[in-house]
Amino acid sequence: MLRVTAAMLSEWREKLLDGAEANLKSRGQEPANDEGLRLKTMVGELMMKHEPLAEKARLLEIYAPGLP
């Protein structure tokens, strides 16, 4: 089972955004506000698509623990 919670997805998203910003700064580039907003929006959309899957996985773990 995946055992990915919504909280984990949120934490991963924040780490991804922090890492992307740090990477840009290390190259001497400041992330543009528009670009940062676009990326945050994209990550948010992806999380919204995957959150129901995480919930289904959680429910399967509870109600069908032996299911492969």
C-alpha atoms as a PDB file:
ATOM      1  CA  MET A   1       0.000   0.000   0.000  1.00  0.00           C
ATOM      2  CA  LEU A   2       1.093   3.543  -0.617  1.00  0.00           C
ATOM      3  CA  ARG A   3       0.262   4.951   2.832  1.00  0.00           C
ATOM      4  CA  VAL A   4       0.471   8.524   1.573  1.00  0.00           C
ATOM      5  CA  THR A   5      -1.599  10.943   3.600  1.00  0.00           C
ATOM      6  CA  ALA A   6      -2.797  14.390   2.600  1.00  0.00           C
ATOM      7  CA  ALA A   7      -0.422  15.799   5.216  1.00  0.00           C
ATOM      8  CA  MET A   8       2.508  14.002   3.581  1.00  0.00           C
ATOM      9  CA  LEU A   9       1.545  15.368   0.175  1.00  0.00           C
ATOM     10  CA  SER A  10       1.368  18.860   1.610  1.00  0.00           C
ATOM     11  CA  GLU A  11       4.781  18.465   3.236  1.00  0.00           C
ATOM     12  CA  TRP A  12       6.289  17.173  -0.012  1.00  0.00           C
ATOM     13  CA  ARG A  13       4.785  20.107  -1.893  1.00  0.00           C
ATOM     14  CA  GLU A  14       6.350  22.601   0.497  1.00  0.00           C
ATOM     15  CA  LYS A  15       9.725  20.852   0.255  1.00  0.00           C
ATOM     16  CA  LEU A  16       9.482  20.876  -3.537  1.00  0.00           C
ATOM     17  CA  LEU A  17       8.707  24.584  -3.648  1.00  0.00           C
ATOM     18  CA  ASP A  18      11.461  25.401  -1.133  1.00  0.00           C
ATOM     19  CA  GLY A  19      13.960  23.326  -3.097  1.00  0.00           C
ATOM     20  CA  ALA A  20      13.003  24.932  -6.393  1.00  0.00           C
ATOM     21  CA  GLU A  21      13.395  28.409  -4.899  1.00  0.00           C
ATOM     22  CA  ALA A  22      16.767  27.510  -3.334  1.00  0.00           C
ATOM     23  CA  ASN A  23      17.942  26.090  -6.671  1.00  0.00           C
ATOM     24  CA  LEU A  24      17.061  29.288  -8.504  1.00  0.00           C
ATOM     25  CA  LYS A  25      18.792  31.413  -5.868  1.00  0.00           C
ATOM     26  CA  SER A  26      21.937  29.262  -6.027  1.00  0.00           C
ATOM     27  CA  ARG A  27      22.125  30.030  -9.743  1.00  0.00           C
ATOM     28  CA  GLY A  28      21.918  33.721  -9.031  1.00  0.00           C
ATOM     29  CA  GLN A  29      18.343  33.962 -10.229  1.00  0.00           C
ATOM     30  CA  GLU A  30      15.471  35.313  -8.208  1.00  0.00           C
ATOM     31  CA  PRO A  31      12.248  33.417  -8.829  1.00  0.00           C
ATOM     32  CA  ALA A  32       9.729  35.658 -10.502  1.00  0.00           C
ATOM     33  CA  ASN A  33       6.539  36.165  -8.553  1.00  0.00           C
ATOM     34  CA  ASP A  34       4.475  35.159 -11.565  1.00  0.00           C
ATOM     35  CA  GLU A  35       6.550  32.018 -12.107  1.00  0.00           C
ATOM     36  CA  GLY A  36       6.392  31.085  -8.439  1.00  0.00           C
ATOM     37  CA  LEU A  37       2.651  31.588  -8.416  1.00  0.00           C
ATOM     38  CA  ARG A  38       2.294  29.504 -11.568  1.00  0.00           C
ATOM     39  CA  LEU A  39       4.327  26.669 -10.031  1.00  0.00           C
ATOM     40  CA  LYS A  40       2.405  26.789  -6.758  1.00  0.00           C
ATOM     41  CA  THR A  41      -0.837  26.653  -8.712  1.00  0.00           C
ATOM     42  CA  MET A  42       0.403  23.690 -10.734  1.00  0.00           C
ATOM     43  CA  VAL A  43       1.483  21.798  -7.615  1.00  0.00           C
ATOM     44  CA  GLY A  44      -1.828  22.581  -5.937  1.00  0.00           C
ATOM     45  CA  GLU A  45      -3.740  21.229  -8.926  1.00  0.00           C
ATOM     46  CA  LEU A  46      -1.664  18.051  -8.918  1.00  0.00           C
ATOM     47  CA  MET A  47      -2.258  17.599  -5.204  1.00  0.00           C
ATOM     48  CA  MET A  48      -5.993  18.003  -5.670  1.00  0.00           C
ATOM     49  CA  LYS A  49      -5.949  15.303  -8.348  1.00  0.00           C
ATOM     50  CA  HIS A  50      -3.939  12.891  -6.200  1.00  0.00           C
ATOM     51  CA  GLU A  51      -5.526  13.530  -2.800  1.00  0.00           C
ATOM     52  CA  PRO A  52      -8.603  11.384  -3.566  1.00  0.00           C
ATOM     53  CA  LEU A  53      -6.265   8.553  -4.574  1.00  0.00           C
ATOM     54  CA  ALA A  54      -4.430   8.840  -1.267  1.00  0.00           C
ATOM     55  CA  GLU A  55      -7.750   8.692   0.571  1.00  0.00           C
ATOM     56  CA  LYS A  56      -8.808   5.614  -1.404  1.00  0.00           C
ATOM     57  CA  ALA A  57      -5.478   3.963  -0.572  1.00  0.00           C
ATOM     58  CA  ARG A  58      -5.983   4.771   3.112  1.00  0.00           C
ATOM     59  CA  LEU A  59      -9.474   3.256   3.060  1.00  0.00           C
ATOM     60  CA  LEU A  60      -8.211   0.148   1.298  1.00  0.00           C
ATOM     61  CA  GLU A  61      -5.572  -0.275   3.989  1.00  0.00           C
ATOM     62  CA  ILE A  62      -8.300  -0.139   6.643  1.00  0.00           C
ATOM     63  CA  TYR A  63     -10.970  -2.294   4.981  1.00  0.00           C
ATOM     64  CA  ALA A  64      -8.869  -4.611   2.805  1.00  0.00           C
ATOM     65  CA  PRO A  65      -5.446  -4.881   4.489  1.00  0.00           C
ATOM     66  CA  GLY A  66      -4.404  -8.040   2.661  1.00  0.00           C
ATOM     67  CA  LEU A  67      -5.246  -6.729  -0.786  1.00  0.00           C
ATOM     68  CA  PRO A  68      -2.145  -6.623  -3.032  1.00  0.00           C
END
